[in-house]
């Protein structure tokens, strides 16, 4: 059994059995078809640990589109873009203006330069510099939840900070996320930041270690409950193998096609997922 599947099943079961319902509370999200409140059941402060040296944490309970996930990751962290015209999928179109901008969010924050004693760096270049020059620092981190620019973001960041820590020759990371729609986005985020860890490890000379995913508000929407129940009743397959082009030595040279899954066997996709806006 894939360990990522087991983590997902256990998390969903805990939320469903022991979570807190938003019924009776004032909530922002609405179902787009009826404009009725989109209530959730949630757990506070969910912490999931993935050992990337053991397996790549992509679900087999249903497929996660690796190419689209990597494309979005590169759009934010490598292209440092906040314009959907630089993205090959349409997942951000709802938050884009007529020019395609999502405001001062995500890639904009990654690419913003800051002054340090060693010079000016943006956030990802600072991480790469520290991993190469001062890898055992306890200060290697990023944060895109910039309060100064929130009023100019079309969507507040959900996954907002990464903290990197090296143990021996292993690169570890903590992903902090304020909110996570478990059915729609949980494994998508895990896959993306696992890829980011692999990219940084390869170009900075490390092995991959642990990815720790900390979610403040891990929730399942009420209309998603039967879909989750059916999904976690499925029998997981074995985890696939992630193959990365070993010739890439520069973070900015990675392309979507440099990441390939071998023996990725999954159950069928869950279609027509109700959307809350």
Protein backbone atom coordinates (compact mmCIF):
# COMPACT_ATOMS: atom_id res chain seq x y z
CA UNK A 1 0.00 0.00 0.00
CA UNK A 2 1.17 3.53 -0.80
CA UNK A 3 1.97 5.36 2.45
CA UNK A 4 0.53 8.57 0.99
CA UNK A 5 -2.80 6.77 0.51
CA UNK A 6 -2.77 5.54 4.11
CA UNK A 7 -2.04 9.05 5.39
CA UNK A 8 -4.90 10.40 3.28
CA UNK A 9 -7.35 7.73 4.41
CA UNK A 10 -6.48 8.19 8.09
CA UNK A 11 -6.77 11.98 7.80
CA UNK A 12 -10.16 11.82 6.08
CA UNK A 13 -11.48 9.28 8.58
CA UNK A 14 -10.38 11.50 11.47
CA UNK A 15 -12.01 14.59 9.96
CA UNK A 16 -15.27 12.75 9.25
CA UNK A 17 -15.42 11.01 12.65
CA UNK A 18 -14.01 13.70 14.92
CA UNK A 19 -14.25 16.97 13.01
CA UNK A 20 -16.15 20.18 13.72
CA UNK A 21 -19.09 21.22 11.54
CA UNK A 22 -19.59 24.81 10.39
CA UNK A 23 -23.38 24.41 10.53
CA UNK A 24 -24.87 27.38 12.37
CA UNK A 25 -21.86 29.60 11.65
CA UNK A 26 -21.59 32.48 9.21
CA UNK A 27 -19.35 31.33 6.35
CA UNK A 28 -17.96 32.95 3.21
CA UNK A 29 -18.05 30.05 0.72
CA UNK A 30 -21.19 29.40 -1.33
CA UNK A 31 -22.22 26.64 -3.76
CA UNK A 32 -22.02 28.22 -7.19
CA UNK A 33 -25.12 26.42 -8.52
CA UNK A 34 -27.52 27.39 -5.69
CA UNK A 35 -25.70 30.20 -3.85
CA UNK A 36 -26.33 28.32 -0.60
CA UNK A 37 -23.72 28.19 2.20
CA UNK A 38 -21.05 25.57 1.51
CA UNK A 39 -20.62 24.10 4.98
CA UNK A 40 -17.64 21.98 5.97
CA UNK A 41 -16.47 19.53 8.58
CA UNK A 42 -12.90 20.27 9.66
CA UNK A 43 -9.98 19.44 11.92
CA UNK A 44 -7.60 22.06 13.24
CA UNK A 45 -3.82 21.68 12.88
CA UNK A 46 -3.48 18.49 10.86
CA UNK A 47 0.16 17.41 10.49
CA UNK A 48 1.14 14.84 7.86
CA UNK A 49 4.71 13.57 7.37
CA UNK A 50 5.98 12.15 4.09
CA UNK A 51 9.40 10.51 3.80
CA UNK A 52 10.37 11.40 0.25
CA UNK A 53 13.35 9.05 0.41
CA UNK A 54 10.93 6.12 0.70
CA UNK A 55 8.31 7.00 -1.92
CA UNK A 56 6.82 9.79 -3.97
CA UNK A 57 3.60 10.81 -2.15
CA UNK A 58 1.06 10.80 -4.96
CA UNK A 59 -2.32 9.15 -4.38
CA UNK A 60 -3.39 5.96 -6.10
CA UNK A 61 -6.94 6.18 -4.72
CA UNK A 62 -7.54 8.49 -7.68
CA UNK A 63 -5.13 10.07 -10.19
CA UNK A 64 -3.34 13.35 -9.51
CA UNK A 65 -2.27 15.07 -12.73
CA UNK A 66 1.49 15.32 -12.27
CA UNK A 67 2.14 17.41 -15.39
CA UNK A 68 -0.40 20.09 -14.49
CA UNK A 69 0.77 20.13 -10.87
CA UNK A 70 4.39 20.61 -11.95
CA UNK A 71 3.38 23.23 -14.51
CA UNK A 72 1.67 25.31 -11.81
CA UNK A 73 4.61 24.83 -9.44
CA UNK A 74 7.06 26.09 -12.09
CA UNK A 75 4.71 28.98 -12.88
CA UNK A 76 4.95 30.16 -9.26
CA UNK A 77 8.47 29.21 -8.15
CA UNK A 78 10.49 29.28 -11.36
CA UNK A 79 8.71 31.72 -13.70
CA UNK A 80 7.61 33.78 -10.65
CA UNK A 81 4.54 34.74 -12.63
CA UNK A 82 1.18 36.02 -11.48
CA UNK A 83 -0.35 35.94 -14.97
CA UNK A 84 -2.43 32.97 -16.14
CA UNK A 85 -1.24 33.49 -19.72
CA UNK A 86 2.07 31.94 -18.56
CA UNK A 87 0.25 28.83 -17.33
CA UNK A 88 -0.76 25.89 -19.50
CA UNK A 89 -3.88 24.94 -17.51
CA UNK A 90 -6.96 27.02 -16.68
CA UNK A 91 -7.15 26.37 -12.94
CA UNK A 92 -6.49 30.03 -12.06
CA UNK A 93 -8.78 31.63 -14.64
CA UNK A 94 -11.53 32.38 -12.08
CA UNK A 95 -9.15 34.64 -10.12
CA UNK A 96 -7.62 36.45 -13.09
CA UNK A 97 -8.56 39.90 -14.39
CA UNK A 98 -9.00 40.79 -18.06
CA UNK A 99 -5.21 40.97 -18.53
CA UNK A 100 -4.73 37.57 -16.89
CA UNK A 101 -3.24 38.86 -13.62
CA UNK A 102 -4.13 37.36 -10.24
CA UNK A 103 -2.71 40.43 -8.49
CA UNK A 104 0.30 40.58 -6.18
CA UNK A 105 0.01 36.92 -5.21
CA UNK A 106 2.03 33.71 -5.39
CA UNK A 107 4.68 34.12 -8.11
CA UNK A 108 4.75 37.88 -7.63
CA UNK A 109 5.74 37.41 -3.98
CA UNK A 110 8.35 34.74 -4.80
CA UNK A 111 10.00 37.08 -7.31
CA UNK A 112 10.03 40.18 -5.13
CA UNK A 113 13.64 41.09 -4.28
CA UNK A 114 14.80 41.85 -0.72
CA UNK A 115 18.05 43.25 0.65
CA UNK A 116 20.45 41.05 2.64
CA UNK A 117 24.03 41.52 3.76
CA UNK A 118 25.12 39.33 0.82
CA UNK A 119 23.12 41.36 -1.71
CA UNK A 120 19.60 41.38 -3.20
CA UNK A 121 17.72 38.11 -3.65
CA UNK A 122 14.15 37.05 -4.29
CA UNK A 123 12.77 34.34 -2.01
CA UNK A 124 13.67 31.22 -3.99
CA UNK A 125 17.11 32.52 -4.96
CA UNK A 126 17.79 33.22 -1.28
CA UNK A 127 16.86 29.63 -0.42
CA UNK A 128 19.18 28.28 -3.12
CA UNK A 129 22.01 30.58 -1.98
CA UNK A 130 21.67 29.44 1.64
CA UNK A 131 21.41 25.74 0.77
CA UNK A 132 24.65 26.04 -1.20
CA UNK A 133 26.57 28.34 1.16
CA UNK A 134 25.06 27.86 4.63
CA UNK A 135 22.98 24.66 4.50
CA UNK A 136 22.75 24.10 8.26
CA UNK A 137 21.20 27.51 8.87
CA UNK A 138 17.94 27.57 10.82
CA UNK A 139 16.75 30.57 8.81
CA UNK A 140 16.07 29.07 5.38
CA UNK A 141 12.44 29.85 4.66
CA UNK A 142 9.93 31.57 2.40
CA UNK A 143 6.65 33.36 3.15
CA UNK A 144 4.23 34.72 0.54
CA UNK A 145 1.51 35.83 2.97
CA UNK A 146 2.50 39.49 2.72
CA UNK A 147 -0.04 41.59 4.63
CA UNK A 148 1.08 44.75 2.83
CA UNK A 149 -0.09 43.31 -0.51
CA UNK A 150 -3.16 41.30 0.54
CA UNK A 151 -5.54 44.00 -0.70
CA UNK A 152 -4.02 43.59 -4.18
CA UNK A 153 -4.30 39.78 -4.28
CA UNK A 154 -7.29 38.25 -6.05
CA UNK A 155 -6.91 35.21 -3.75
CA UNK A 156 -5.11 35.09 -0.42
CA UNK A 157 -2.37 32.41 -0.45
CA UNK A 158 -3.46 29.03 0.93
CA UNK A 159 -0.08 27.26 0.99
CA UNK A 160 1.96 30.22 2.18
CA UNK A 161 5.32 29.26 3.68
CA UNK A 162 8.13 26.75 3.42
CA UNK A 163 10.83 26.15 6.03
CA UNK A 164 13.87 24.16 4.92
CA UNK A 165 16.18 22.24 7.24
CA UNK A 166 19.15 20.03 6.42
CA UNK A 167 19.97 16.95 8.52
CA UNK A 168 23.20 15.26 7.45
CA UNK A 169 22.86 15.15 3.68
CA UNK A 170 19.03 15.21 3.60
CA UNK A 171 16.92 18.21 2.71
CA UNK A 172 13.72 18.42 4.76
CA UNK A 173 10.88 20.90 4.50
CA UNK A 174 7.78 22.09 6.32
CA UNK A 175 4.87 23.35 4.22
CA UNK A 176 2.47 25.59 6.13
CA UNK A 177 -1.03 25.96 4.78
CA UNK A 178 -3.80 28.10 6.29
CA UNK A 179 -6.65 26.23 4.58
CA UNK A 180 -6.99 23.03 2.57
CA UNK A 181 -9.94 21.62 0.62
CA UNK A 182 -9.11 17.96 1.22
CA UNK A 183 -10.88 16.44 -1.78
CA UNK A 184 -9.89 19.03 -4.37
CA UNK A 185 -6.45 20.24 -3.32
CA UNK A 186 -4.77 18.14 -0.63
CA UNK A 187 -2.72 15.75 -2.74
CA UNK A 188 -2.21 18.39 -5.40
CA UNK A 189 -0.33 20.51 -2.85
CA UNK A 190 1.59 17.54 -1.44
CA UNK A 191 2.75 16.50 -4.92
CA UNK A 192 3.81 20.03 -5.84
CA UNK A 193 5.91 20.67 -2.76
CA UNK A 194 7.41 17.18 -2.92
CA UNK A 195 8.52 18.11 -6.45
CA UNK A 196 9.95 21.41 -5.17
CA UNK A 197 11.92 19.48 -2.55
CA UNK A 198 13.30 17.13 -5.22
CA UNK A 199 14.27 20.07 -7.44
CA UNK A 200 16.13 21.90 -4.69
CA UNK A 201 17.82 18.73 -3.44
CA UNK A 202 19.08 17.88 -6.93
CA UNK A 203 20.51 21.33 -7.75
CA UNK A 204 21.96 21.92 -4.27
CA UNK A 205 23.59 18.50 -3.80
CA UNK A 206 21.31 16.83 -1.24
CA UNK A 207 19.18 13.75 -0.90
CA UNK A 208 15.47 14.27 -0.21
CA UNK A 209 14.28 13.76 3.35
CA UNK A 210 10.93 14.55 4.94
CA UNK A 211 8.15 16.82 3.75
CA UNK A 212 5.95 17.83 6.69
CA UNK A 213 2.56 19.29 5.74
CA UNK A 214 0.94 21.46 8.42
CA UNK A 215 -2.67 22.45 7.72
CA UNK A 216 -4.42 24.92 10.02
CA UNK A 217 -7.93 24.26 8.66
CA UNK A 218 -8.25 20.85 6.97
CA UNK A 219 -11.83 20.64 5.73
CA UNK A 220 -14.21 18.50 3.73
CA UNK A 221 -17.24 20.22 2.17
CA UNK A 222 -20.62 18.72 3.00
CA UNK A 223 -21.33 17.82 -0.64
CA UNK A 224 -17.93 16.13 -0.85
CA UNK A 225 -18.54 13.73 2.05
CA UNK A 226 -20.07 10.87 -0.03
CA UNK A 227 -17.29 11.27 -2.61
CA UNK A 228 -14.62 11.06 0.11
CA UNK A 229 -16.34 8.07 1.74
CA UNK A 230 -16.33 6.17 -1.54
CA UNK A 231 -12.76 7.20 -2.34
CA UNK A 232 -11.26 6.06 0.97
CA UNK A 233 -13.06 2.72 0.66
CA UNK A 234 -10.90 1.88 -2.35
CA UNK A 235 -7.90 -0.39 -1.99
CA UNK A 236 -4.64 1.53 -2.61
CA UNK A 237 -2.08 0.41 -5.15
CA UNK A 238 1.68 0.50 -4.78
CA UNK A 239 3.37 3.89 -4.92
CA UNK A 240 4.89 4.75 -8.32
CA UNK A 241 8.51 5.73 -8.87
CA UNK A 242 9.42 9.33 -9.66
CA UNK A 243 12.13 9.75 -12.28
CA UNK A 244 13.80 13.15 -12.66
CA UNK A 245 16.13 14.16 -15.46
CA UNK A 246 19.56 13.84 -13.72
CA UNK A 247 21.22 16.22 -16.18
CA UNK A 248 19.43 19.28 -14.78
CA UNK A 249 21.81 21.12 -12.44
CA UNK A 250 20.20 24.58 -12.47
CA UNK A 251 16.82 25.26 -10.81
CA UNK A 252 15.76 27.38 -13.80
CA UNK A 253 16.44 24.65 -16.34
CA UNK A 254 13.74 22.26 -15.10
CA UNK A 255 10.83 21.62 -17.47
CA UNK A 256 7.56 19.75 -16.97
CA UNK A 257 8.83 16.83 -19.06
CA UNK A 258 11.80 16.34 -16.71
CA UNK A 259 9.46 14.61 -14.21
CA UNK A 260 8.04 11.19 -15.05
CA UNK A 261 6.13 8.64 -12.99
CA UNK A 262 6.83 4.96 -13.59
CA UNK A 263 4.22 2.29 -12.80
CA UNK A 264 1.56 4.79 -11.71
CA UNK A 265 -1.55 2.65 -11.28
CA UNK A 266 -4.66 4.37 -9.93
CA UNK A 267 -8.36 4.00 -9.42
CA UNK A 268 -10.71 6.03 -11.61
CA UNK A 269 -10.92 9.80 -11.35
CA UNK A 270 -13.69 11.41 -9.28
CA UNK A 271 -15.66 13.56 -11.71
CA UNK A 272 -18.19 16.39 -11.37
CA UNK A 273 -16.93 17.56 -7.99
CA UNK A 274 -19.22 20.34 -6.69
CA UNK A 275 -17.38 23.66 -6.50
CA UNK A 276 -17.67 26.15 -3.66
CA UNK A 277 -16.77 29.78 -4.40
